[in-house]
């Protein structure tokens, strides 16, 4: 049941996701924007795999908030963390549940 809640919460979060605004020559904005777009894509993929971790979702929210306040270094770090956590969640689906079923 908890997994369903996390997946639905992730879908709701992705539903309001929009591309970050374009950069206007501000230092670090382009790399932060690229990291944020990559994290958004990874989160969407994790949702499709039903593998979204709440920590990944929280990191994405932090990245969006930092980007909105023009703290591009923090946005880049948080987006990279969200991307990594989403990828780890997806990778976790490739492992058999513990304990492994007996043959």
PDB file of N, CA and C in Angstrom:
ATOM      1  N   UNK A   1       0.826  -1.186   0.000  1.00  0.00           N
ATOM      2  CA  UNK A   1       0.000   0.000   0.000  1.00  0.00           C
ATOM      3  C   UNK A   1       0.874   1.253   0.000  1.00  0.00           C
ATOM      4  N   UNK A   2       1.961   1.184   0.769  1.00  0.00           N
ATOM      5  CA  UNK A   2       2.861   2.337   0.855  1.00  0.00           C
ATOM      6  C   UNK A   2       3.465   2.654  -0.510  1.00  0.00           C
ATOM      7  N   UNK A   3       3.804   1.617  -1.267  1.00  0.00           N
ATOM      8  CA  UNK A   3       4.377   1.821  -2.595  1.00  0.00           C
ATOM      9  C   UNK A   3       3.405   2.511  -3.533  1.00  0.00           C
ATOM     10  N   UNK A   4       2.135   2.172  -3.402  1.00  0.00           N
ATOM     11  CA  UNK A   4       1.117   2.812  -4.232  1.00  0.00           C
ATOM     12  C   UNK A   4       1.030   4.288  -3.894  1.00  0.00           C
ATOM     13  N   UNK A   5       1.068   4.602  -2.594  1.00  0.00           N
ATOM     14  CA  UNK A   5       1.019   6.004  -2.166  1.00  0.00           C
ATOM     15  C   UNK A   5       2.201   6.783  -2.726  1.00  0.00           C
ATOM     16  N   UNK A   6       3.385   6.203  -2.630  1.00  0.00           N
ATOM     17  CA  UNK A   6       4.583   6.877  -3.138  1.00  0.00           C
ATOM     18  C   UNK A   6       4.470   7.093  -4.639  1.00  0.00           C
ATOM     19  N   UNK A   7       3.996   6.090  -5.366  1.00  0.00           N
ATOM     20  CA  UNK A   7       3.864   6.222  -6.816  1.00  0.00           C
ATOM     21  C   UNK A   7       2.836   7.286  -7.183  1.00  0.00           C
ATOM     22  N   UNK A   8       1.711   7.291  -6.492  1.00  0.00           N
ATOM     23  CA  UNK A   8       0.688   8.298  -6.781  1.00  0.00           C
ATOM     24  C   UNK A   8       1.164   9.691  -6.422  1.00  0.00           C
ATOM     25  N   UNK A   9       1.883   9.803  -5.321  1.00  0.00           N
ATOM     26  CA  UNK A   9       2.446  11.094  -4.941  1.00  0.00           C
ATOM     27  C   UNK A   9       3.440  11.551  -5.995  1.00  0.00           C
ATOM     28  N   UNK A  10       4.237  10.631  -6.491  1.00  0.00           N
ATOM     29  CA  UNK A  10       5.201  10.966  -7.538  1.00  0.00           C
ATOM     30  C   UNK A  10       4.516  11.402  -8.815  1.00  0.00           C
ATOM     31  N   UNK A  11       3.451  10.724  -9.173  1.00  0.00           N
ATOM     32  CA  UNK A  11       2.709  11.122 -10.367  1.00  0.00           C
ATOM     33  C   UNK A  11       2.115  12.511 -10.208  1.00  0.00           C
ATOM     34  N   UNK A  12       1.614  12.798  -9.030  1.00  0.00           N
ATOM     35  CA  UNK A  12       1.049  14.134  -8.786  1.00  0.00           C
ATOM     36  C   UNK A  12       2.146  15.178  -8.874  1.00  0.00           C
ATOM     37  N   UNK A  13       3.320  14.864  -8.345  1.00  0.00           N
ATOM     38  CA  UNK A  13       4.432  15.807  -8.406  1.00  0.00           C
ATOM     39  C   UNK A  13       4.904  16.041  -9.821  1.00  0.00           C
ATOM     40  N   UNK A  14       4.913  14.989 -10.619  1.00  0.00           N
ATOM     41  CA  UNK A  14       5.354  15.133 -12.006  1.00  0.00           C
ATOM     42  C   UNK A  14       4.308  15.838 -12.854  1.00  0.00           C
ATOM     43  N   UNK A  15       3.060  15.741 -12.447  1.00  0.00           N
ATOM     44  CA  UNK A  15       2.004  16.376 -13.227  1.00  0.00           C
ATOM     45  C   UNK A  15       2.160  17.885 -13.261  1.00  0.00           C
ATOM     46  N   UNK A  16       2.668  18.480 -12.209  1.00  0.00           N
ATOM     47  CA  UNK A  16       2.820  19.932 -12.201  1.00  0.00           C
ATOM     48  C   UNK A  16       4.218  20.359 -12.620  1.00  0.00           C
ATOM     49  N   UNK A  17       5.039  19.402 -12.993  1.00  0.00           N
ATOM     50  CA  UNK A  17       6.398  19.725 -13.419  1.00  0.00           C
ATOM     51  C   UNK A  17       6.367  20.392 -14.792  1.00  0.00           C
ATOM     52  N   UNK A  18       7.053  21.478 -14.898  1.00  0.00           N
ATOM     53  CA  UNK A  18       7.207  22.177 -16.168  1.00  0.00           C
ATOM     54  C   UNK A  18       8.685  22.468 -16.346  1.00  0.00           C
ATOM     55  N   UNK A  19       9.063  22.694 -17.581  1.00  0.00           N
ATOM     56  CA  UNK A  19      10.456  23.034 -17.807  1.00  0.00           C
ATOM     57  C   UNK A  19      10.801  24.310 -17.056  1.00  0.00           C
ATOM     58  N   UNK A  20      12.002  24.338 -16.456  1.00  0.00           N
ATOM     59  CA  UNK A  20      12.408  25.566 -15.776  1.00  0.00           C
ATOM     60  C   UNK A  20      12.519  26.706 -16.786  1.00  0.00           C
ATOM     61  N   UNK A  21      12.369  27.931 -16.324  1.00  0.00           N
ATOM     62  CA  UNK A  21      12.461  29.060 -17.249  1.00  0.00           C
ATOM     63  C   UNK A  21      13.824  29.124 -17.934  1.00  0.00           C
ATOM     64  N   UNK A  22      13.847  29.700 -19.080  1.00  0.00           N
ATOM     65  CA  UNK A  22      15.104  29.849 -19.819  1.00  0.00           C
ATOM     66  C   UNK A  22      16.041  30.781 -19.061  1.00  0.00           C
ATOM     67  N   UNK A  23      17.308  30.548 -19.245  1.00  0.00           N
ATOM     68  CA  UNK A  23      18.319  31.368 -18.580  1.00  0.00           C
ATOM     69  C   UNK A  23      18.620  32.614 -19.416  1.00  0.00           C
ATOM     70  N   UNK A  24      18.973  33.667 -18.741  1.00  0.00           N
ATOM     71  CA  UNK A  24      19.287  34.921 -19.428  1.00  0.00           C
ATOM     72  C   UNK A  24      20.706  35.355 -19.093  1.00  0.00           C
ATOM     73  N   UNK A  25      21.648  34.463 -19.321  1.00  0.00           N
ATOM     74  CA  UNK A  25      23.051  34.803 -19.144  1.00  0.00           C
ATOM     75  C   UNK A  25      23.541  34.822 -17.711  1.00  0.00           C
ATOM     76  N   UNK A  26      22.752  34.349 -16.761  1.00  0.00           N
ATOM     77  CA  UNK A  26      23.195  34.321 -15.374  1.00  0.00           C
ATOM     78  C   UNK A  26      24.185  33.184 -15.187  1.00  0.00           C
ATOM     79  N   UNK A  27      25.229  33.448 -14.438  1.00  0.00           N
ATOM     80  CA  UNK A  27      26.293  32.468 -14.214  1.00  0.00           C
ATOM     81  C   UNK A  27      25.738  31.221 -13.512  1.00  0.00           C
ATOM     82  N   UNK A  28      25.958  30.060 -14.089  1.00  0.00           N
ATOM     83  CA  UNK A  28      25.551  28.791 -13.506  1.00  0.00           C
ATOM     84  C   UNK A  28      24.124  28.386 -13.827  1.00  0.00           C
ATOM     85  N   UNK A  29      23.376  29.271 -14.439  1.00  0.00           N
ATOM     86  CA  UNK A  29      21.962  28.990 -14.711  1.00  0.00           C
ATOM     87  C   UNK A  29      21.797  27.864 -15.731  1.00  0.00           C
ATOM     88  N   UNK A  30      22.574  27.897 -16.787  1.00  0.00           N
ATOM     89  CA  UNK A  30      22.426  26.881 -17.838  1.00  0.00           C
ATOM     90  C   UNK A  30      22.707  25.475 -17.309  1.00  0.00           C
ATOM     91  N   UNK A  31      23.767  25.326 -16.517  1.00  0.00           N
ATOM     92  CA  UNK A  31      24.088  23.994 -15.996  1.00  0.00           C
ATOM     93  C   UNK A  31      23.044  23.550 -14.966  1.00  0.00           C
ATOM     94  N   UNK A  32      22.542  24.493 -14.173  1.00  0.00           N
ATOM     95  CA  UNK A  32      21.493  24.150 -13.204  1.00  0.00           C
ATOM     96  C   UNK A  32      20.215  23.741 -13.924  1.00  0.00           C
ATOM     97  N   UNK A  33      19.891  24.445 -14.985  1.00  0.00           N
ATOM     98  CA  UNK A  33      18.691  24.120 -15.753  1.00  0.00           C
ATOM     99  C   UNK A  33      18.818  22.737 -16.384  1.00  0.00           C
ATOM    100  N   UNK A  34      19.980  22.436 -16.942  1.00  0.00           N
ATOM    101  CA  UNK A  34      20.200  21.122 -17.551  1.00  0.00           C
ATOM    102  C   UNK A  34      20.106  20.012 -16.501  1.00  0.00           C
ATOM    103  N   UNK A  35      20.680  20.242 -15.324  1.00  0.00           N
ATOM    104  CA  UNK A  35      20.618  19.246 -14.249  1.00  0.00           C
ATOM    105  C   UNK A  35      19.181  19.035 -13.784  1.00  0.00           C
ATOM    106  N   UNK A  36      18.422  20.113 -13.732  1.00  0.00           N
ATOM    107  CA  UNK A  36      17.026  20.024 -13.310  1.00  0.00           C
ATOM    108  C   UNK A  36      16.184  19.261 -14.327  1.00  0.00           C
ATOM    109  N   UNK A  37      16.402  19.506 -15.598  1.00  0.00           N
ATOM    110  CA  UNK A  37      15.671  18.780 -16.647  1.00  0.00           C
ATOM    111  C   UNK A  37      16.019  17.294 -16.597  1.00  0.00           C
ATOM    112  N   UNK A  38      17.295  16.989 -16.390  1.00  0.00           N
ATOM    113  CA  UNK A  38      17.725  15.585 -16.294  1.00  0.00           C
ATOM    114  C   UNK A  38      17.089  14.905 -15.084  1.00  0.00           C
ATOM    115  N   UNK A  39      17.043  15.602 -13.960  1.00  0.00           N
ATOM    116  CA  UNK A  39      16.430  15.040 -12.762  1.00  0.00           C
ATOM    117  C   UNK A  39      14.943  14.803 -12.963  1.00  0.00           C
ATOM    118  N   UNK A  40      14.268  15.746 -13.611  1.00  0.00           N
ATOM    119  CA  UNK A  40      12.839  15.591 -13.905  1.00  0.00           C
ATOM    120  C   UNK A  40      12.603  14.323 -14.736  1.00  0.00           C
ATOM    121  N   UNK A  41      13.441  14.106 -15.724  1.00  0.00           N
ATOM    122  CA  UNK A  41      13.321  12.930 -16.587  1.00  0.00           C
ATOM    123  C   UNK A  41      13.539  11.649 -15.793  1.00  0.00           C
ATOM    124  N   UNK A  42      14.545  11.644 -14.929  1.00  0.00           N
ATOM    125  CA  UNK A  42      14.823  10.458 -14.114  1.00  0.00           C
ATOM    126  C   UNK A  42      13.680  10.161 -13.144  1.00  0.00           C
ATOM    127  N   UNK A  43      13.111  11.206 -12.570  1.00  0.00           N
ATOM    128  CA  UNK A  43      11.988  11.023 -11.650  1.00  0.00           C
ATOM    129  C   UNK A  43      10.790  10.434 -12.396  1.00  0.00           C
ATOM    130  N   UNK A  44      10.518  10.947 -13.586  1.00  0.00           N
ATOM    131  CA  UNK A  44       9.411  10.410 -14.386  1.00  0.00           C
ATOM    132  C   UNK A  44       9.643   8.941 -14.716  1.00  0.00           C
ATOM    133  N   UNK A  45      10.888   8.592 -15.026  1.00  0.00           N
ATOM    134  CA  UNK A  45      11.217   7.197 -15.318  1.00  0.00           C
ATOM    135  C   UNK A  45      11.032   6.329 -14.076  1.00  0.00           C
ATOM    136  N   UNK A  46      11.441   6.823 -12.924  1.00  0.00           N
ATOM    137  CA  UNK A  46      11.274   6.070 -11.673  1.00  0.00           C
ATOM    138  C   UNK A  46       9.791   5.846 -11.375  1.00  0.00           C
ATOM    139  N   UNK A  47       8.968   6.836 -11.654  1.00  0.00           N
ATOM    140  CA  UNK A  47       7.526   6.688 -11.454  1.00  0.00           C
ATOM    141  C   UNK A  47       6.992   5.592 -12.364  1.00  0.00           C
ATOM    142  N   UNK A  48       7.434   5.573 -13.616  1.00  0.00           N
ATOM    143  CA  UNK A  48       6.979   4.537 -14.564  1.00  0.00           C
ATOM    144  C   UNK A  48       7.378   3.141 -14.094  1.00  0.00           C
ATOM    145  N   UNK A  49       8.526   3.043 -13.427  1.00  0.00           N
ATOM    146  CA  UNK A  49       8.999   1.752 -12.919  1.00  0.00           C
ATOM    147  C   UNK A  49       8.446   1.453 -11.522  1.00  0.00           C
ATOM    148  N   UNK A  50       7.622   2.351 -11.000  1.00  0.00           N
ATOM    149  CA  UNK A  50       7.105   2.234  -9.630  1.00  0.00           C
ATOM    150  C   UNK A  50       8.259   2.105  -8.644  1.00  0.00           C
ATOM    151  N   UNK A  51       9.256   2.948  -8.826  1.00  0.00           N
ATOM    152  CA  UNK A  51      10.476   2.877  -8.024  1.00  0.00           C
ATOM    153  C   UNK A  51      10.891   4.234  -7.468  1.00  0.00           C
ATOM    154  N   UNK A  52       9.945   5.147  -7.349  1.00  0.00           N
ATOM    155  CA  UNK A  52      10.292   6.478  -6.876  1.00  0.00           C
ATOM    156  C   UNK A  52      10.511   6.474  -5.382  1.00  0.00           C
ATOM    157  N   UNK A  53      11.681   6.920  -4.976  1.00  0.00           N
ATOM    158  CA  UNK A  53      11.993   7.058  -3.555  1.00  0.00           C
ATOM    159  C   UNK A  53      11.563   8.447  -3.110  1.00  0.00           C
ATOM    160  N   UNK A  54      11.073   8.529  -1.896  1.00  0.00           N
ATOM    161  CA  UNK A  54      10.656   9.837  -1.378  1.00  0.00           C
ATOM    162  C   UNK A  54      11.841  10.789  -1.270  1.00  0.00           C
ATOM    163  N   UNK A  55      13.029  10.256  -1.032  1.00  0.00           N
ATOM    164  CA  UNK A  55      14.208  11.125  -0.952  1.00  0.00           C
ATOM    165  C   UNK A  55      14.521  11.747  -2.305  1.00  0.00           C
ATOM    166  N   UNK A  56      14.277  11.014  -3.385  1.00  0.00           N
ATOM    167  CA  UNK A  56      14.485  11.572  -4.724  1.00  0.00           C
ATOM    168  C   UNK A  56      13.477  12.670  -4.991  1.00  0.00           C
ATOM    169  N   UNK A  57      12.249  12.431  -4.608  1.00  0.00           N
ATOM    170  CA  UNK A  57      11.198  13.427  -4.793  1.00  0.00           C
ATOM    171  C   UNK A  57      11.509  14.685  -3.979  1.00  0.00           C
ATOM    172  N   UNK A  58      11.990  14.516  -2.753  1.00  0.00           N
ATOM    173  CA  UNK A  58      12.336  15.662  -1.909  1.00  0.00           C
ATOM    174  C   UNK A  58      13.497  16.453  -2.498  1.00  0.00           C
ATOM    175  N   UNK A  59      14.481  15.744  -3.028  1.00  0.00           N
ATOM    176  CA  UNK A  59      15.626  16.421  -3.636  1.00  0.00           C
ATOM    177  C   UNK A  59      15.197  17.209  -4.872  1.00  0.00           C
ATOM    178  N   UNK A  60      14.273  16.667  -5.645  1.00  0.00           N
ATOM    179  CA  UNK A  60      13.777  17.389  -6.817  1.00  0.00           C
ATOM    180  C   UNK A  60      13.042  18.659  -6.395  1.00  0.00           C
ATOM    181  N   UNK A  61      12.239  18.560  -5.371  1.00  0.00           N
ATOM    182  CA  UNK A  61      11.536  19.739  -4.865  1.00  0.00           C
ATOM    183  C   UNK A  61      12.533  20.798  -4.384  1.00  0.00           C
ATOM    184  N   UNK A  62      13.566  20.349  -3.704  1.00  0.00           N
ATOM    185  CA  UNK A  62      14.618  21.269  -3.252  1.00  0.00           C
ATOM    186  C   UNK A  62      15.315  21.937  -4.440  1.00  0.00           C
ATOM    187  N   UNK A  63      15.565  21.162  -5.487  1.00  0.00           N
ATOM    188  CA  UNK A  63      16.214  21.713  -6.686  1.00  0.00           C
ATOM    189  C   UNK A  63      15.331  22.756  -7.352  1.00  0.00           C
ATOM    190  N   UNK A  64      14.049  22.460  -7.464  1.00  0.00           N
ATOM    191  CA  UNK A  64      13.119  23.420  -8.064  1.00  0.00           C
ATOM    192  C   UNK A  64      13.074  24.724  -7.258  1.00  0.00           C
ATOM    193  N   UNK A  65      13.031  24.574  -5.952  1.00  0.00           N
ATOM    194  CA  UNK A  65      12.968  25.748  -5.077  1.00  0.00           C
ATOM    195  C   UNK A  65      14.228  26.581  -5.197  1.00  0.00           C
ATOM    196  N   UNK A  66      15.377  25.925  -5.186  1.00  0.00           N
ATOM    197  CA  UNK A  66      16.646  26.640  -5.306  1.00  0.00           C
ATOM    198  C   UNK A  66      16.749  27.339  -6.661  1.00  0.00           C
ATOM    199  N   UNK A  67      16.309  26.682  -7.712  1.00  0.00           N
ATOM    200  CA  UNK A  67      16.351  27.291  -9.042  1.00  0.00           C
ATOM    201  C   UNK A  67      15.455  28.530  -9.082  1.00  0.00           C
ATOM    202  N   UNK A  68      14.292  28.427  -8.474  1.00  0.00           N
ATOM    203  CA  UNK A  68      13.351  29.552  -8.478  1.00  0.00           C
ATOM    204  C   UNK A  68      13.914  30.772  -7.753  1.00  0.00           C
ATOM    205  N   UNK A  69      14.737  30.535  -6.738  1.00  0.00           N
ATOM    206  CA  UNK A  69      15.328  31.674  -6.013  1.00  0.00           C
ATOM    207  C   UNK A  69      16.709  32.042  -6.556  1.00  0.00           C
ATOM    208  N   UNK A  70      17.057  31.480  -7.724  1.00  0.00           N
ATOM    209  CA  UNK A  70      18.303  31.772  -8.439  1.00  0.00           C
ATOM    210  C   UNK A  70      19.555  31.328  -7.687  1.00  0.00           C
ATOM    211  N   UNK A  71      19.419  30.298  -6.843  1.00  0.00           N
ATOM    212  CA  UNK A  71      20.579  29.701  -6.174  1.00  0.00           C
ATOM    213  C   UNK A  71      20.987  28.499  -7.027  1.00  0.00           C
ATOM    214  N   UNK A  72      21.713  28.780  -8.100  1.00  0.00           N
ATOM    215  CA  UNK A  72      21.981  27.766  -9.111  1.00  0.00           C
ATOM    216  C   UNK A  72      22.944  26.679  -8.645  1.00  0.00           C
ATOM    217  N   UNK A  73      23.860  27.001  -7.748  1.00  0.00           N
ATOM    218  CA  UNK A  73      24.747  25.962  -7.214  1.00  0.00           C
ATOM    219  C   UNK A  73      23.942  24.941  -6.410  1.00  0.00           C
ATOM    220  N   UNK A  74      23.070  25.429  -5.542  1.00  0.00           N
ATOM    221  CA  UNK A  74      22.240  24.529  -4.734  1.00  0.00           C
ATOM    222  C   UNK A  74      21.281  23.744  -5.627  1.00  0.00           C
ATOM    223  N   UNK A  75      20.751  24.395  -6.640  1.00  0.00           N
ATOM    224  CA  UNK A  75      19.835  23.709  -7.562  1.00  0.00           C
ATOM    225  C   UNK A  75      20.558  22.580  -8.290  1.00  0.00           C
ATOM    226  N   UNK A  76      21.772  22.830  -8.726  1.00  0.00           N
ATOM    227  CA  UNK A  76      22.549  21.804  -9.426  1.00  0.00           C
ATOM    228  C   UNK A  76      22.831  20.623  -8.518  1.00  0.00           C
ATOM    229  N   UNK A  77      23.249  20.895  -7.281  1.00  0.00           N
ATOM    230  CA  UNK A  77      23.546  19.813  -6.329  1.00  0.00           C
ATOM    231  C   UNK A  77      22.294  18.993  -6.020  1.00  0.00           C
ATOM    232  N   UNK A  78      21.188  19.670  -5.746  1.00  0.00           N
ATOM    233  CA  UNK A  78      19.957  18.960  -5.402  1.00  0.00           C
ATOM    234  C   UNK A  78      19.426  18.169  -6.600  1.00  0.00           C
ATOM    235  N   UNK A  79      19.520  18.728  -7.789  1.00  0.00           N
ATOM    236  CA  UNK A  79      19.058  18.021  -8.990  1.00  0.00           C
ATOM    237  C   UNK A  79      19.915  16.788  -9.251  1.00  0.00           C
ATOM    238  N   UNK A  80      21.214  16.911  -9.050  1.00  0.00           N
ATOM    239  CA  UNK A  80      22.100  15.755  -9.229  1.00  0.00           C
ATOM    240  C   UNK A  80      21.760  14.660  -8.219  1.00  0.00           C
ATOM    241  N   UNK A  81      21.450  15.068  -7.000  1.00  0.00           N
ATOM    242  CA  UNK A  81      21.056  14.100  -5.980  1.00  0.00           C
ATOM    243  C   UNK A  81      19.738  13.422  -6.352  1.00  0.00           C
ATOM    244  N   UNK A  82      18.772  14.200  -6.817  1.00  0.00           N
ATOM    245  CA  UNK A  82      17.486  13.633  -7.233  1.00  0.00           C
ATOM    246  C   UNK A  82      17.673  12.632  -8.370  1.00  0.00           C
ATOM    247  N   UNK A  83      18.505  12.994  -9.331  1.00  0.00           N
ATOM    248  CA  UNK A  83      18.782  12.110 -10.462  1.00  0.00           C
ATOM    249  C   UNK A  83      19.411  10.804  -9.978  1.00  0.00           C
ATOM    250  N   UNK A  84      20.416  10.917  -9.130  1.00  0.00           N
ATOM    251  CA  UNK A  84      21.105   9.724  -8.622  1.00  0.00           C
ATOM    252  C   UNK A  84      20.153   8.833  -7.823  1.00  0.00           C
ATOM    253  N   UNK A  85      19.354   9.424  -6.951  1.00  0.00           N
ATOM    254  CA  UNK A  85      18.424   8.647  -6.138  1.00  0.00           C
ATOM    255  C   UNK A  85      17.349   7.978  -6.999  1.00  0.00           C
ATOM    256  N   UNK A  86      16.886   8.669  -8.018  1.00  0.00           N
ATOM    257  CA  UNK A  86      15.900   8.068  -8.923  1.00  0.00           C
ATOM    258  C   UNK A  86      16.515   6.886  -9.662  1.00  0.00           C
ATOM    259  N   UNK A  87      17.744   7.041 -10.128  1.00  0.00           N
ATOM    260  CA  UNK A  87      18.419   5.941 -10.824  1.00  0.00           C
ATOM    261  C   UNK A  87      18.648   4.755  -9.892  1.00  0.00           C
ATOM    262  N   UNK A  88      18.954   5.018  -8.626  1.00  0.00           N
ATOM    263  CA  UNK A  88      19.138   3.940  -7.654  1.00  0.00           C
ATOM    264  C   UNK A  88      17.817   3.213  -7.393  1.00  0.00           C
ATOM    265  N   UNK A  89      16.731   3.959  -7.334  1.00  0.00           N
ATOM    266  CA  UNK A  89      15.422   3.335  -7.156  1.00  0.00           C
ATOM    267  C   UNK A  89      15.085   2.410  -8.315  1.00  0.00           C
ATOM    268  N   UNK A  90      15.387   2.864  -9.516  1.00  0.00           N
ATOM    269  CA  UNK A  90      15.143   2.036 -10.699  1.00  0.00           C
ATOM    270  C   UNK A  90      16.024   0.793 -10.663  1.00  0.00           C
ATOM    271  N   UNK A  91      17.284   0.970 -10.310  1.00  0.00           N
ATOM    272  CA  UNK A  91      18.212  -0.166 -10.235  1.00  0.00           C
ATOM    273  C   UNK A  91      17.749  -1.189  -9.200  1.00  0.00           C
ATOM    274  N   UNK A  92      17.141  -0.719  -8.134  1.00  0.00           N
ATOM    275  CA  UNK A  92      16.684  -1.615  -7.083  1.00  0.00           C
ATOM    276  C   UNK A  92      15.615  -2.582  -7.601  1.00  0.00           C
ATOM    277  N   UNK A  93      14.869  -2.190  -8.601  1.00  0.00           N
ATOM    278  CA  UNK A  93      13.821  -3.067  -9.129  1.00  0.00           C
ATOM    279  C   UNK A  93      14.402  -4.272  -9.858  1.00  0.00           C
ATOM    280  N   UNK A  94      15.665  -4.232 -10.173  1.00  0.00           N
ATOM    281  CA  UNK A  94      16.301  -5.350 -10.891  1.00  0.00           C
ATOM    282  C   UNK A  94      16.702  -6.493  -9.966  1.00  0.00           C
ATOM    283  N   UNK A  95      16.626  -6.266  -8.657  1.00  0.00           N
ATOM    284  CA  UNK A  95      17.020  -7.283  -7.694  1.00  0.00           C
ATOM    285  C   UNK A  95      15.796  -8.062  -7.213  1.00  0.00           C
ATOM    286  N   UNK A  96      16.026  -9.329  -6.932  1.00  0.00           N
ATOM    287  CA  UNK A  96      14.948 -10.159  -6.398  1.00  0.00           C
ATOM    288  C   UNK A  96      14.603  -9.686  -4.988  1.00  0.00           C
ATOM    289  N   UNK A  97      13.341  -9.827  -4.595  1.00  0.00           N
ATOM    290  CA  UNK A  97      12.972  -9.435  -3.236  1.00  0.00           C
ATOM    291  C   UNK A  97      13.671 -10.323  -2.214  1.00  0.00           C
ATOM    292  N   UNK A  98      13.859  -9.801  -1.044  1.00  0.00           N
ATOM    293  CA  UNK A  98      14.529 -10.557   0.012  1.00  0.00           C
ATOM    294  C   UNK A  98      13.485 -11.024   0.983  1.00  0.00           C
ATOM    295  N   UNK A  99      13.507 -12.225   1.451  1.00  0.00           N
ATOM    296  CA  UNK A  99      14.410 -13.293   1.047  1.00  0.00           C
ATOM    297  C   UNK A  99      14.007 -13.843  -0.319  1.00  0.00           C
ATOM    298  N   UNK A 100      14.999 -14.352  -1.011  1.00  0.00           N
ATOM    299  CA  UNK A 100      14.751 -14.907  -2.341  1.00  0.00           C
ATOM    300  C   UNK A 100      13.821 -16.120  -2.218  1.00  0.00           C
ATOM    301  N   UNK A 101      12.901 -16.258  -3.148  1.00  0.00           N
ATOM    302  CA  UNK A 101      11.991 -17.410  -3.101  1.00  0.00           C
ATOM    303  C   UNK A 101      12.765 -18.724  -3.229  1.00  0.00           C
ATOM    304  N   UNK A 102      12.300 -19.713  -2.518  1.00  0.00           N
ATOM    305  CA  UNK A 102      12.950 -21.030  -2.590  1.00  0.00           C
ATOM    306  C   UNK A 102      12.449 -21.774  -3.813  1.00  0.00           C
ATOM    307  N   UNK A 103      13.381 -22.422  -4.537  1.00  0.00           N
ATOM    308  CA  UNK A 103      12.978 -23.154  -5.745  1.00  0.00           C
ATOM    309  C   UNK A 103      12.157 -24.390  -5.448  1.00  0.00           C
TER     310      UNK A 103
END
